[in-house]
């Protein structure tokens, strides 16, 4: 049996304490399979996760909770973001290599 990544929710609690998300537009760079993304995605106005790996994004889409209507996923590289400046209020780059 695979263990839970953060069963106490400490990672998300610390993240939200450091930077409140309500009403914000959040870009998560290197979202991978969305494990962190879907834990906080109910907080901001909009969430977009990017990752260069198509297989990770497929998993993130499969695991997306139906209660999260404001989350988008896109295959992209951090070195070449496909967004205009000031599109997002917050950019996360956590747990990425």
Protein backbone atom coordinates (compact mmCIF):
# COMPACT_ATOMS: atom_id res chain seq x y z
CA UNK A 1 0.00 0.00 0.00
CA UNK A 2 1.34 3.39 -0.97
CA UNK A 3 1.56 5.90 1.87
CA UNK A 4 -0.11 9.28 1.80
CA UNK A 5 2.10 12.19 0.85
CA UNK A 6 0.97 14.60 3.56
CA UNK A 7 -1.79 13.02 5.65
CA UNK A 8 -1.88 15.87 8.18
CA UNK A 9 -2.14 18.55 5.48
CA UNK A 10 0.90 20.41 6.82
CA UNK A 11 2.24 21.30 3.38
CA UNK A 12 -0.96 23.00 2.24
CA UNK A 13 -1.54 24.63 5.64
CA UNK A 14 1.92 26.21 5.57
CA UNK A 15 1.50 27.26 1.97
CA UNK A 16 -1.83 28.98 2.64
CA UNK A 17 -0.48 30.62 5.82
CA UNK A 18 2.46 32.07 3.90
CA UNK A 19 0.40 33.30 0.98
CA UNK A 20 -3.41 33.44 1.19
CA UNK A 21 -5.02 32.24 -2.06
CA UNK A 22 -8.67 33.36 -1.92
CA UNK A 23 -9.50 35.55 -4.91
CA UNK A 24 -6.07 35.03 -6.51
CA UNK A 25 -4.96 33.57 -9.83
CA UNK A 26 -2.35 30.88 -9.13
CA UNK A 27 0.14 29.29 -11.52
CA UNK A 28 1.73 26.06 -10.31
CA UNK A 29 4.92 25.38 -12.24
CA UNK A 30 5.79 21.70 -12.27
CA UNK A 31 2.42 20.47 -11.04
CA UNK A 32 3.22 16.86 -11.95
CA UNK A 33 0.29 14.56 -11.28
CA UNK A 34 -1.58 17.28 -9.39
CA UNK A 35 -1.23 15.82 -5.89
CA UNK A 36 -0.48 19.22 -4.36
CA UNK A 37 -2.59 21.16 -6.86
CA UNK A 38 -5.86 19.47 -5.97
CA UNK A 39 -5.24 19.90 -2.23
CA UNK A 40 -5.39 23.71 -2.44
CA UNK A 41 -7.32 24.30 -5.68
CA UNK A 42 -10.58 25.14 -3.91
CA UNK A 43 -8.97 28.26 -2.37
CA UNK A 44 -7.98 30.57 -5.27
CA UNK A 45 -10.17 32.11 -7.94
CA UNK A 46 -8.22 30.27 -10.64
CA UNK A 47 -5.50 27.61 -10.72
CA UNK A 48 -3.43 26.63 -13.73
CA UNK A 49 -0.87 23.85 -13.40
CA UNK A 50 1.86 23.35 -15.96
CA UNK A 51 4.23 20.45 -16.41
CA UNK A 52 6.42 19.30 -19.31
CA UNK A 53 5.41 15.64 -18.90
CA UNK A 54 2.23 14.65 -20.73
CA UNK A 55 1.88 11.45 -18.68
CA UNK A 56 1.89 13.46 -15.43
CA UNK A 57 -0.78 15.81 -16.77
CA UNK A 58 -2.95 12.86 -17.83
CA UNK A 59 -2.77 11.56 -14.26
CA UNK A 60 -3.58 15.01 -12.87
CA UNK A 61 -6.63 15.25 -15.12
CA UNK A 62 -7.77 11.77 -14.07
CA UNK A 63 -7.40 12.66 -10.38
CA UNK A 64 -9.03 16.08 -10.59
CA UNK A 65 -11.86 16.24 -8.04
CA UNK A 66 -15.23 17.12 -9.57
CA UNK A 67 -15.62 19.83 -6.92
CA UNK A 68 -12.72 21.83 -8.44
CA UNK A 69 -14.16 23.81 -11.38
CA UNK A 70 -11.38 26.40 -11.48
CA UNK A 71 -8.35 24.23 -12.28
CA UNK A 72 -6.66 24.05 -15.65
CA UNK A 73 -3.69 21.99 -16.80
CA UNK A 74 -1.29 22.70 -19.63
CA UNK A 75 1.82 21.05 -21.00
CA UNK A 76 4.54 23.70 -20.85
CA UNK A 77 8.05 24.43 -19.62
CA UNK A 78 8.95 26.88 -16.86
CA UNK A 79 11.62 28.36 -19.13
CA UNK A 80 9.01 29.36 -21.73
CA UNK A 81 5.75 30.22 -19.99
CA UNK A 82 2.89 30.60 -22.49
CA UNK A 83 1.23 33.47 -20.59
CA UNK A 84 1.34 37.24 -20.70
CA UNK A 85 2.95 39.12 -17.83
CA UNK A 86 0.62 39.75 -14.88
CA UNK A 87 -1.70 36.87 -15.83
CA UNK A 88 -1.24 35.38 -12.36
CA UNK A 89 -1.04 36.83 -8.87
CA UNK A 90 0.98 33.93 -7.44
CA UNK A 91 3.43 31.49 -9.03
CA UNK A 92 4.35 28.31 -7.18
CA UNK A 93 7.38 26.20 -7.93
CA UNK A 94 7.26 23.65 -5.12
CA UNK A 95 8.51 20.06 -4.99
CA UNK A 96 9.83 20.27 -8.55
CA UNK A 97 13.22 19.18 -9.79
